[in-house]
N, C-alpha and C. Protein backbone atom coordinates (compact mmCIF):
# COMPACT_ATOMS: atom_id res chain seq x y z
N MET A 1 35.93 89.32 69.98
CA MET A 1 35.83 90.41 69.01
C MET A 1 36.75 90.17 67.82
N ASN A 2 37.98 89.70 68.08
CA ASN A 2 38.90 89.42 66.97
C ASN A 2 38.35 88.34 66.05
N GLU A 3 37.66 87.35 66.65
CA GLU A 3 37.04 86.30 65.85
C GLU A 3 35.93 86.87 64.97
N LEU A 4 35.14 87.80 65.52
CA LEU A 4 34.08 88.45 64.74
C LEU A 4 34.68 89.24 63.58
N ILE A 5 35.75 89.98 63.86
CA ILE A 5 36.41 90.75 62.80
C ILE A 5 36.95 89.81 61.73
N ARG A 6 37.58 88.70 62.15
CA ARG A 6 38.13 87.74 61.20
C ARG A 6 37.01 87.14 60.35
N LYS A 7 35.91 86.75 61.01
CA LYS A 7 34.79 86.14 60.28
C LYS A 7 34.15 87.13 59.30
N ASN A 8 33.94 88.35 59.74
CA ASN A 8 33.34 89.34 58.85
C ASN A 8 34.26 89.70 57.70
N ASN A 9 35.55 89.78 57.97
CA ASN A 9 36.50 90.05 56.89
C ASN A 9 36.49 88.92 55.88
N ALA A 10 36.44 87.68 56.38
CA ALA A 10 36.41 86.53 55.47
C ALA A 10 35.12 86.52 54.66
N ALA A 11 34.00 86.84 55.33
CA ALA A 11 32.71 86.89 54.63
C ALA A 11 32.72 87.98 53.57
N ALA A 12 33.26 89.13 53.92
CA ALA A 12 33.32 90.23 52.97
C ALA A 12 34.14 89.84 51.75
N GLU A 13 35.27 89.18 51.99
CA GLU A 13 36.12 88.79 50.87
C GLU A 13 35.45 87.72 50.02
N ALA A 14 34.81 86.76 50.67
CA ALA A 14 34.21 85.66 49.94
C ALA A 14 32.93 86.07 49.23
N TYR A 15 32.18 86.99 49.81
CA TYR A 15 30.85 87.27 49.28
C TYR A 15 30.72 88.59 48.54
N HIS A 16 31.77 89.34 48.45
CA HIS A 16 31.69 90.56 47.65
C HIS A 16 32.43 90.32 46.35
N ALA A 17 31.66 90.12 45.29
CA ALA A 17 32.23 89.70 44.01
C ALA A 17 33.23 90.70 43.45
N ASP A 18 33.13 91.97 43.85
CA ASP A 18 33.98 92.99 43.28
C ASP A 18 35.05 93.47 44.24
N ARG A 19 35.45 92.64 45.18
CA ARG A 19 36.44 93.07 46.17
C ARG A 19 37.72 93.57 45.49
N ARG A 20 38.13 92.88 44.44
CA ARG A 20 39.36 93.31 43.77
C ARG A 20 39.25 94.73 43.25
N GLY A 21 38.03 95.14 42.88
CA GLY A 21 37.82 96.51 42.45
C GLY A 21 38.10 97.50 43.56
N PHE A 22 37.70 97.17 44.79
CA PHE A 22 38.00 98.05 45.92
C PHE A 22 39.50 98.13 46.14
N LEU A 23 40.16 96.97 46.12
CA LEU A 23 41.61 96.96 46.37
C LEU A 23 42.37 97.69 45.28
N LYS A 24 41.91 97.52 44.05
CA LYS A 24 42.55 98.18 42.91
C LYS A 24 42.56 99.70 43.09
N HIS A 25 41.51 100.22 43.70
CA HIS A 25 41.41 101.67 43.90
C HIS A 25 41.89 102.10 45.27
N GLY A 26 42.58 101.19 45.98
CA GLY A 26 43.22 101.57 47.23
C GLY A 26 42.28 101.71 48.41
N LEU A 27 41.10 101.09 48.35
CA LEU A 27 40.16 101.22 49.45
C LEU A 27 40.33 100.08 50.42
N LEU A 28 40.13 100.37 51.67
CA LEU A 28 40.12 99.33 52.68
C LEU A 28 38.69 98.91 52.90
N PHE A 29 38.39 97.67 52.60
CA PHE A 29 37.03 97.19 52.75
C PHE A 29 36.97 96.20 53.89
N SER A 30 36.16 96.50 54.87
CA SER A 30 36.03 95.58 55.99
C SER A 30 34.66 95.74 56.62
N ALA A 31 33.87 94.71 56.54
CA ALA A 31 32.52 94.77 57.14
C ALA A 31 32.62 94.96 58.64
N ALA A 32 33.59 94.34 59.26
CA ALA A 32 33.70 94.42 60.72
C ALA A 32 34.09 95.81 61.19
N LEU A 33 34.91 96.50 60.43
CA LEU A 33 35.33 97.83 60.81
C LEU A 33 34.28 98.86 60.42
N GLY A 34 33.27 98.39 59.72
CA GLY A 34 32.23 99.28 59.24
C GLY A 34 31.19 99.59 60.28
N PHE A 35 29.94 99.34 59.95
CA PHE A 35 28.88 99.98 60.68
C PHE A 35 27.94 99.06 61.42
N TRP A 36 28.04 97.78 61.21
CA TRP A 36 27.10 96.92 61.93
C TRP A 36 27.70 96.53 63.26
N THR A 37 27.91 97.53 64.08
CA THR A 37 28.44 97.34 65.42
C THR A 37 27.27 97.28 66.38
N PRO A 38 27.47 96.73 67.59
CA PRO A 38 26.37 96.71 68.55
C PRO A 38 25.80 98.10 68.80
N SER A 39 26.65 99.13 68.87
CA SER A 39 26.13 100.46 69.16
C SER A 39 25.24 100.97 68.04
N LEU A 40 25.56 100.66 66.78
CA LEU A 40 24.71 101.09 65.68
C LEU A 40 23.42 100.28 65.67
N ALA A 41 23.51 99.00 66.00
CA ALA A 41 22.30 98.19 66.09
C ALA A 41 21.38 98.74 67.17
N TRP A 42 21.95 99.10 68.29
CA TRP A 42 21.13 99.66 69.36
C TRP A 42 20.54 101.01 68.95
N ALA A 43 21.31 101.76 68.15
CA ALA A 43 20.78 103.04 67.66
C ALA A 43 19.53 102.80 66.82
N ALA A 44 19.48 101.65 66.17
CA ALA A 44 18.31 101.31 65.36
C ALA A 44 17.17 100.80 66.24
N GLY A 45 17.44 100.59 67.51
CA GLY A 45 16.41 100.15 68.43
C GLY A 45 16.17 98.66 68.39
N GLN A 46 17.16 97.89 67.94
CA GLN A 46 16.97 96.45 67.85
C GLN A 46 18.32 95.75 67.88
N ALA A 47 18.29 94.47 68.11
CA ALA A 47 19.50 93.65 68.02
C ALA A 47 19.84 93.46 66.55
N PRO A 48 21.10 93.14 66.23
CA PRO A 48 21.45 92.90 64.83
C PRO A 48 20.55 91.83 64.21
N ALA A 49 20.07 92.09 63.02
CA ALA A 49 19.16 91.18 62.33
C ALA A 49 19.94 90.05 61.67
N SER A 50 19.28 88.90 61.48
CA SER A 50 19.92 87.80 60.77
C SER A 50 19.72 87.95 59.26
N VAL A 51 18.75 88.80 58.87
CA VAL A 51 18.50 89.12 57.46
C VAL A 51 18.43 90.63 57.34
N ARG A 52 19.08 91.18 56.33
CA ARG A 52 18.99 92.62 56.09
C ARG A 52 18.42 92.84 54.70
N LEU A 53 17.36 93.64 54.65
CA LEU A 53 16.68 93.96 53.40
C LEU A 53 16.85 95.44 53.11
N ILE A 54 16.88 95.77 51.84
CA ILE A 54 16.95 97.18 51.46
C ILE A 54 16.09 97.38 50.22
N SER A 55 15.53 98.57 50.09
CA SER A 55 14.75 98.94 48.90
C SER A 55 15.32 100.23 48.34
N LEU A 56 15.64 100.21 47.06
CA LEU A 56 16.21 101.36 46.37
C LEU A 56 15.43 101.62 45.09
N SER A 57 15.29 102.88 44.74
CA SER A 57 14.67 103.26 43.47
C SER A 57 15.50 104.39 42.86
N ASN A 58 16.01 104.17 41.66
CA ASN A 58 16.83 105.18 41.01
C ASN A 58 15.93 106.28 40.44
N ALA A 59 16.14 107.51 40.90
CA ALA A 59 15.30 108.65 40.50
C ALA A 59 15.42 108.97 39.02
N HIS A 60 16.52 108.58 38.37
CA HIS A 60 16.76 108.93 36.97
C HIS A 60 16.32 107.84 36.00
N THR A 61 16.53 106.58 36.39
CA THR A 61 16.23 105.47 35.47
C THR A 61 14.94 104.74 35.82
N GLY A 62 14.46 104.91 37.06
CA GLY A 62 13.27 104.19 37.50
C GLY A 62 13.55 102.76 37.91
N GLU A 63 14.80 102.31 37.78
CA GLU A 63 15.14 100.95 38.18
C GLU A 63 15.06 100.80 39.69
N LYS A 64 14.73 99.57 40.11
CA LYS A 64 14.53 99.33 41.53
C LYS A 64 15.26 98.07 41.99
N PHE A 65 15.60 98.07 43.26
CA PHE A 65 16.07 96.86 43.94
C PHE A 65 15.32 96.77 45.25
N ARG A 66 14.76 95.60 45.52
CA ARG A 66 14.16 95.33 46.81
C ARG A 66 14.48 93.89 47.15
N GLY A 67 15.15 93.71 48.27
CA GLY A 67 15.47 92.35 48.66
C GLY A 67 16.55 92.27 49.71
N GLU A 68 16.92 91.05 50.02
CA GLU A 68 17.99 90.78 50.98
C GLU A 68 19.33 91.11 50.35
N TYR A 69 20.19 91.74 51.11
CA TYR A 69 21.56 91.94 50.65
C TYR A 69 22.55 91.27 51.60
N TRP A 70 22.04 90.79 52.71
CA TRP A 70 22.86 90.15 53.75
C TRP A 70 22.02 89.09 54.42
N PHE A 71 22.58 87.92 54.60
CA PHE A 71 21.85 86.84 55.25
C PHE A 71 22.82 85.97 56.04
N GLY A 72 22.47 85.72 57.30
CA GLY A 72 23.25 84.80 58.13
C GLY A 72 24.72 85.16 58.26
N GLY A 73 25.02 86.44 58.31
CA GLY A 73 26.41 86.86 58.50
C GLY A 73 27.19 87.07 57.22
N GLU A 74 26.52 87.01 56.07
CA GLU A 74 27.24 87.11 54.81
C GLU A 74 26.54 88.08 53.86
N TYR A 75 27.34 88.90 53.19
CA TYR A 75 26.81 89.74 52.11
C TYR A 75 26.55 88.86 50.90
N LEU A 76 25.48 89.15 50.19
CA LEU A 76 25.05 88.31 49.07
C LEU A 76 25.52 88.92 47.75
N PRO A 77 26.41 88.23 47.03
CA PRO A 77 26.98 88.80 45.81
C PRO A 77 25.95 89.11 44.73
N GLN A 78 24.92 88.29 44.57
CA GLN A 78 23.91 88.55 43.55
C GLN A 78 23.18 89.85 43.85
N ALA A 79 22.88 90.08 45.14
CA ALA A 79 22.22 91.33 45.52
C ALA A 79 23.09 92.52 45.19
N PHE A 80 24.40 92.42 45.48
CA PHE A 80 25.28 93.55 45.21
C PHE A 80 25.49 93.77 43.72
N SER A 81 25.37 92.73 42.94
CA SER A 81 25.42 92.89 41.49
C SER A 81 24.24 93.74 41.02
N GLU A 82 23.06 93.48 41.58
CA GLU A 82 21.86 94.26 41.23
C GLU A 82 21.93 95.67 41.81
N ILE A 83 22.42 95.79 43.03
CA ILE A 83 22.52 97.10 43.68
C ILE A 83 23.45 98.01 42.89
N LYS A 84 24.60 97.47 42.45
CA LYS A 84 25.53 98.35 41.71
C LYS A 84 24.96 98.75 40.36
N SER A 85 24.08 97.93 39.80
CA SER A 85 23.42 98.31 38.56
C SER A 85 22.42 99.44 38.79
N VAL A 86 21.61 99.32 39.84
CA VAL A 86 20.64 100.37 40.17
C VAL A 86 21.35 101.67 40.54
N MET A 87 22.52 101.57 41.18
CA MET A 87 23.24 102.75 41.65
C MET A 87 24.32 103.22 40.68
N ARG A 88 24.28 102.74 39.45
CA ARG A 88 25.31 103.09 38.47
C ARG A 88 25.21 104.57 38.09
N ASP A 89 26.25 105.06 37.44
CA ASP A 89 26.26 106.42 36.91
C ASP A 89 25.33 106.44 35.70
N HIS A 90 24.17 107.08 35.84
CA HIS A 90 23.19 107.06 34.75
C HIS A 90 23.63 107.87 33.54
N ARG A 91 24.61 108.75 33.72
CA ARG A 91 25.09 109.56 32.60
C ARG A 91 26.00 108.76 31.67
N THR A 92 26.84 107.90 32.25
CA THR A 92 27.81 107.14 31.47
C THR A 92 27.47 105.65 31.40
N ASN A 93 26.51 105.23 32.21
CA ASN A 93 26.11 103.82 32.32
C ASN A 93 27.19 102.95 32.95
N GLU A 94 28.18 103.56 33.60
CA GLU A 94 29.25 102.80 34.25
C GLU A 94 28.80 102.33 35.63
N THR A 95 29.27 101.12 35.99
CA THR A 95 29.01 100.58 37.32
C THR A 95 30.31 100.52 38.10
N PHE A 96 30.18 100.37 39.39
CA PHE A 96 31.34 100.27 40.28
C PHE A 96 30.87 99.55 41.54
N PRO A 97 31.74 98.77 42.19
CA PRO A 97 31.33 98.10 43.43
C PRO A 97 30.83 99.10 44.47
N ILE A 98 29.72 98.77 45.09
CA ILE A 98 29.15 99.61 46.14
C ILE A 98 29.58 99.06 47.50
N ASP A 99 30.07 99.93 48.34
CA ASP A 99 30.53 99.55 49.67
C ASP A 99 29.35 98.96 50.46
N PRO A 100 29.43 97.71 50.88
CA PRO A 100 28.34 97.10 51.64
C PRO A 100 27.99 97.86 52.92
N ARG A 101 28.98 98.56 53.49
CA ARG A 101 28.70 99.33 54.71
C ARG A 101 27.68 100.43 54.43
N LEU A 102 27.64 100.92 53.19
CA LEU A 102 26.66 101.95 52.82
C LEU A 102 25.25 101.38 52.91
N MET A 103 25.08 100.12 52.48
CA MET A 103 23.77 99.48 52.59
C MET A 103 23.42 99.27 54.07
N ASP A 104 24.42 98.96 54.90
CA ASP A 104 24.16 98.80 56.33
C ASP A 104 23.66 100.11 56.94
N VAL A 105 24.25 101.22 56.54
CA VAL A 105 23.80 102.52 57.05
C VAL A 105 22.34 102.76 56.64
N LEU A 106 22.01 102.49 55.37
CA LEU A 106 20.64 102.70 54.91
C LEU A 106 19.67 101.75 55.61
N PHE A 107 20.10 100.52 55.82
CA PHE A 107 19.27 99.55 56.53
C PHE A 107 18.92 100.06 57.93
N VAL A 108 19.92 100.54 58.65
CA VAL A 108 19.68 101.04 60.00
C VAL A 108 18.79 102.28 59.97
N LEU A 109 19.03 103.17 59.00
CA LEU A 109 18.19 104.37 58.90
C LEU A 109 16.72 104.02 58.69
N ARG A 110 16.44 103.08 57.79
CA ARG A 110 15.04 102.69 57.53
C ARG A 110 14.36 102.21 58.81
N HIS A 111 15.08 101.39 59.58
CA HIS A 111 14.49 100.86 60.81
C HIS A 111 14.35 101.95 61.87
N ARG A 112 15.34 102.79 61.95
CA ARG A 112 15.28 103.86 62.93
C ARG A 112 14.13 104.82 62.64
N LEU A 113 13.88 105.07 61.37
CA LEU A 113 12.82 105.99 60.96
C LEU A 113 11.46 105.29 60.84
N ALA A 114 11.45 103.97 61.03
CA ALA A 114 10.22 103.17 60.92
C ALA A 114 9.51 103.45 59.60
N ASN A 115 10.28 103.48 58.53
CA ASN A 115 9.75 103.76 57.20
C ASN A 115 10.32 102.72 56.24
N GLN A 116 9.48 101.86 55.72
CA GLN A 116 9.94 100.79 54.85
C GLN A 116 9.83 101.14 53.36
N ALA A 117 9.62 102.42 53.06
CA ALA A 117 9.59 102.85 51.66
C ALA A 117 10.98 102.67 51.03
N ALA A 118 11.01 102.66 49.72
CA ALA A 118 12.29 102.57 49.01
C ALA A 118 13.01 103.91 49.08
N PHE A 119 14.31 103.86 49.34
CA PHE A 119 15.12 105.08 49.24
C PHE A 119 15.14 105.50 47.78
N GLU A 120 14.90 106.78 47.54
CA GLU A 120 15.04 107.32 46.20
C GLU A 120 16.49 107.75 46.03
N VAL A 121 17.18 107.15 45.06
CA VAL A 121 18.60 107.39 44.83
C VAL A 121 18.77 108.44 43.74
N PHE A 122 19.36 109.58 44.10
CA PHE A 122 19.64 110.63 43.12
C PHE A 122 21.02 110.47 42.52
N SER A 123 21.96 109.99 43.31
CA SER A 123 23.31 109.74 42.83
C SER A 123 23.95 108.68 43.70
N GLY A 124 24.38 107.60 43.06
CA GLY A 124 25.12 106.54 43.75
C GLY A 124 26.56 106.63 43.28
N TYR A 125 26.97 105.64 42.48
CA TYR A 125 28.31 105.72 41.90
C TYR A 125 28.34 106.87 40.90
N ARG A 126 29.48 107.56 40.89
CA ARG A 126 29.68 108.66 39.97
C ARG A 126 31.04 108.47 39.32
N SER A 127 31.08 108.38 38.00
CA SER A 127 32.35 108.21 37.30
C SER A 127 33.19 109.47 37.42
N PRO A 128 34.51 109.35 37.26
CA PRO A 128 35.36 110.55 37.31
C PRO A 128 34.94 111.61 36.29
N SER A 129 34.50 111.20 35.10
CA SER A 129 34.09 112.19 34.10
C SER A 129 32.81 112.91 34.53
N THR A 130 31.87 112.18 35.11
CA THR A 130 30.65 112.82 35.60
C THR A 130 30.97 113.73 36.77
N ASN A 131 31.85 113.28 37.65
CA ASN A 131 32.21 114.12 38.80
C ASN A 131 32.85 115.42 38.33
N ALA A 132 33.72 115.35 37.32
CA ALA A 132 34.36 116.55 36.79
C ALA A 132 33.31 117.48 36.17
N LEU A 133 32.36 116.93 35.43
CA LEU A 133 31.29 117.72 34.83
C LEU A 133 30.47 118.42 35.91
N LEU A 134 30.10 117.69 36.95
CA LEU A 134 29.30 118.28 38.02
C LEU A 134 30.08 119.34 38.79
N ARG A 135 31.38 119.17 38.91
CA ARG A 135 32.21 120.20 39.57
C ARG A 135 32.18 121.51 38.79
N GLU A 136 32.09 121.40 37.47
CA GLU A 136 32.06 122.60 36.62
C GLU A 136 30.70 123.29 36.65
N THR A 137 29.64 122.51 36.87
CA THR A 137 28.29 123.06 36.73
C THR A 137 27.53 123.20 38.05
N SER A 138 28.06 122.67 39.15
CA SER A 138 27.36 122.69 40.44
C SER A 138 28.30 123.12 41.55
N ASN A 139 27.71 123.55 42.62
CA ASN A 139 28.49 123.86 43.82
C ASN A 139 28.51 122.64 44.75
N GLY A 140 29.55 122.53 45.52
CA GLY A 140 29.60 121.50 46.56
C GLY A 140 29.96 120.12 46.09
N VAL A 141 30.53 119.96 44.90
CA VAL A 141 30.96 118.65 44.42
C VAL A 141 32.46 118.52 44.68
N ALA A 142 32.82 117.55 45.52
CA ALA A 142 34.22 117.38 45.91
C ALA A 142 35.05 116.78 44.77
N ARG A 143 36.28 117.24 44.65
CA ARG A 143 37.18 116.70 43.63
C ARG A 143 37.39 115.20 43.82
N GLY A 144 37.59 114.78 45.06
CA GLY A 144 37.80 113.37 45.38
C GLY A 144 36.55 112.74 45.97
N SER A 145 35.41 113.02 45.40
CA SER A 145 34.12 112.57 45.94
C SER A 145 34.10 111.06 46.20
N LEU A 146 33.53 110.70 47.35
CA LEU A 146 33.38 109.28 47.68
C LEU A 146 32.37 108.59 46.77
N HIS A 147 31.58 109.36 46.03
CA HIS A 147 30.71 108.75 45.01
C HIS A 147 31.56 107.97 44.01
N MET A 148 32.75 108.46 43.70
CA MET A 148 33.61 107.79 42.72
C MET A 148 34.22 106.50 43.25
N GLN A 149 34.07 106.26 44.55
CA GLN A 149 34.59 105.04 45.16
C GLN A 149 33.47 104.08 45.57
N GLY A 150 32.23 104.40 45.20
CA GLY A 150 31.10 103.55 45.58
C GLY A 150 30.80 103.61 47.06
N GLN A 151 31.20 104.71 47.70
CA GLN A 151 31.04 104.85 49.15
C GLN A 151 30.08 105.96 49.55
N ALA A 152 29.27 106.46 48.61
CA ALA A 152 28.37 107.57 48.91
C ALA A 152 27.09 107.44 48.09
N VAL A 153 26.02 108.00 48.65
CA VAL A 153 24.75 108.00 47.95
C VAL A 153 23.97 109.24 48.37
N ASP A 154 23.27 109.84 47.41
CA ASP A 154 22.37 110.97 47.67
C ASP A 154 20.95 110.43 47.61
N ILE A 155 20.21 110.60 48.70
CA ILE A 155 18.91 109.94 48.85
C ILE A 155 17.85 110.84 49.46
N ASN A 156 16.62 110.44 49.27
CA ASN A 156 15.54 110.86 50.15
C ASN A 156 14.72 109.62 50.45
N LEU A 157 13.82 109.76 51.41
CA LEU A 157 12.99 108.62 51.81
C LEU A 157 11.54 109.09 51.85
N PRO A 158 10.77 108.78 50.80
CA PRO A 158 9.38 109.23 50.75
C PRO A 158 8.64 108.87 52.03
N GLY A 159 7.90 109.85 52.54
CA GLY A 159 7.17 109.65 53.78
C GLY A 159 7.92 110.12 55.01
N THR A 160 9.17 110.54 54.83
CA THR A 160 9.98 111.06 55.94
C THR A 160 10.47 112.45 55.53
N ARG A 161 10.29 113.43 56.43
CA ARG A 161 10.80 114.77 56.13
C ARG A 161 12.31 114.71 55.93
N LEU A 162 12.78 115.47 54.96
CA LEU A 162 14.20 115.47 54.64
C LEU A 162 15.04 115.86 55.86
N SER A 163 14.58 116.84 56.63
CA SER A 163 15.33 117.28 57.81
C SER A 163 15.40 116.17 58.87
N HIS A 164 14.36 115.34 58.94
CA HIS A 164 14.37 114.22 59.89
C HIS A 164 15.35 113.15 59.43
N LEU A 165 15.38 112.88 58.13
CA LEU A 165 16.35 111.93 57.56
C LEU A 165 17.77 112.41 57.85
N GLU A 166 18.00 113.70 57.65
CA GLU A 166 19.34 114.26 57.91
C GLU A 166 19.73 114.08 59.38
N ARG A 167 18.84 114.47 60.29
CA ARG A 167 19.15 114.35 61.73
C ARG A 167 19.43 112.91 62.13
N SER A 168 18.63 111.99 61.61
CA SER A 168 18.82 110.58 61.94
C SER A 168 20.16 110.07 61.42
N ALA A 169 20.53 110.48 60.22
CA ALA A 169 21.82 110.07 59.66
C ALA A 169 22.98 110.64 60.49
N ILE A 170 22.86 111.88 60.91
CA ILE A 170 23.91 112.50 61.71
C ILE A 170 24.09 111.76 63.03
N THR A 171 22.99 111.41 63.69
CA THR A 171 23.11 110.78 65.00
C THR A 171 23.70 109.37 64.92
N LEU A 172 23.70 108.75 63.75
CA LEU A 172 24.34 107.44 63.61
C LEU A 172 25.86 107.54 63.73
N LYS A 173 26.42 108.70 63.36
CA LYS A 173 27.88 108.89 63.38
C LYS A 173 28.60 107.76 62.63
N ALA A 174 28.05 107.45 61.46
CA ALA A 174 28.58 106.34 60.67
C ALA A 174 29.30 106.80 59.42
N GLY A 175 29.51 108.11 59.27
CA GLY A 175 30.18 108.64 58.09
C GLY A 175 29.74 110.06 57.84
N GLY A 176 29.93 110.54 56.62
CA GLY A 176 29.57 111.91 56.28
C GLY A 176 28.10 112.07 55.97
N VAL A 177 27.56 113.25 56.32
CA VAL A 177 26.16 113.57 56.03
C VAL A 177 26.09 115.00 55.52
N GLY A 178 25.53 115.18 54.33
CA GLY A 178 25.34 116.51 53.75
C GLY A 178 23.86 116.75 53.51
N PHE A 179 23.41 117.98 53.75
CA PHE A 179 21.99 118.33 53.64
C PHE A 179 21.80 119.25 52.44
N TYR A 180 20.96 118.83 51.49
CA TYR A 180 20.71 119.58 50.27
C TYR A 180 19.21 119.75 50.06
N PRO A 181 18.56 120.60 50.88
CA PRO A 181 17.10 120.73 50.78
C PRO A 181 16.61 121.27 49.44
N LYS A 182 17.37 122.14 48.78
CA LYS A 182 16.94 122.67 47.48
C LYS A 182 16.92 121.58 46.41
N SER A 183 17.79 120.60 46.56
CA SER A 183 17.83 119.48 45.62
C SER A 183 17.03 118.28 46.11
N ASP A 184 16.47 118.37 47.31
CA ASP A 184 15.61 117.35 47.90
C ASP A 184 16.33 116.03 48.19
N PHE A 185 17.58 116.12 48.67
CA PHE A 185 18.26 114.89 49.08
C PHE A 185 19.21 115.13 50.24
N VAL A 186 19.56 114.02 50.87
CA VAL A 186 20.60 113.97 51.90
C VAL A 186 21.71 113.08 51.37
N HIS A 187 22.93 113.54 51.50
CA HIS A 187 24.11 112.76 51.14
C HIS A 187 24.55 111.96 52.36
N VAL A 188 24.79 110.66 52.19
CA VAL A 188 25.41 109.86 53.24
C VAL A 188 26.57 109.10 52.63
N ASP A 189 27.64 108.94 53.41
CA ASP A 189 28.79 108.18 52.91
C ASP A 189 29.45 107.42 54.05
N THR A 190 30.40 106.58 53.68
CA THR A 190 31.09 105.75 54.67
C THR A 190 32.50 106.27 54.96
N GLY A 191 32.70 107.54 54.69
CA GLY A 191 33.97 108.18 55.01
C GLY A 191 34.02 108.59 56.48
N ARG A 192 34.89 109.53 56.79
CA ARG A 192 35.00 109.97 58.16
C ARG A 192 33.72 110.71 58.57
N THR A 193 33.45 110.74 59.87
CA THR A 193 32.26 111.39 60.37
C THR A 193 32.40 112.90 60.26
N ARG A 194 31.46 113.54 59.53
CA ARG A 194 31.46 114.97 59.32
C ARG A 194 30.11 115.37 58.79
N THR A 195 29.79 116.66 58.88
CA THR A 195 28.50 117.16 58.37
C THR A 195 28.72 118.46 57.61
N TRP A 196 27.81 118.74 56.70
CA TRP A 196 27.80 120.01 55.99
C TRP A 196 26.40 120.32 55.50
């Protein structure tokens, strides 16, 4: 297990082009401590895959990403460059490194739900100025939102009932899950396990 942690940490450092961005903001980034554990793989009903694919569609810009983000034990920096662009703050056009564990959670959810549609992204990275604006105009926006750390995403999955997506995310116990049926999305993050 220690060897797996060492290898995944080395892969994360070598293959995540924006690692320094995570460290600069005081985040601990570790693929091994994240979500691709045997128990999460089993929750998806399969053994860990050698290739991980994800499909995302930004609800505001129409931009899309579909492809491999992980192959042979390594996160792919080119994929994460595209993912952070698709998940950027559409109000300010700012990008920020996206936590690879967040993609792992979405990958497992797609397989668990047997739905290969693209996740519709309502909010990925959120700049501090956008977060402050939303706090003034909306309810339920946290002052220290994990969106500002690239560790949260608000999504729906066409073809899957929102309540089913929420329940599936909760049962993963891989981070926070918020249910926003009036806004038609579920919030998932890589923070501590909690629901609202």
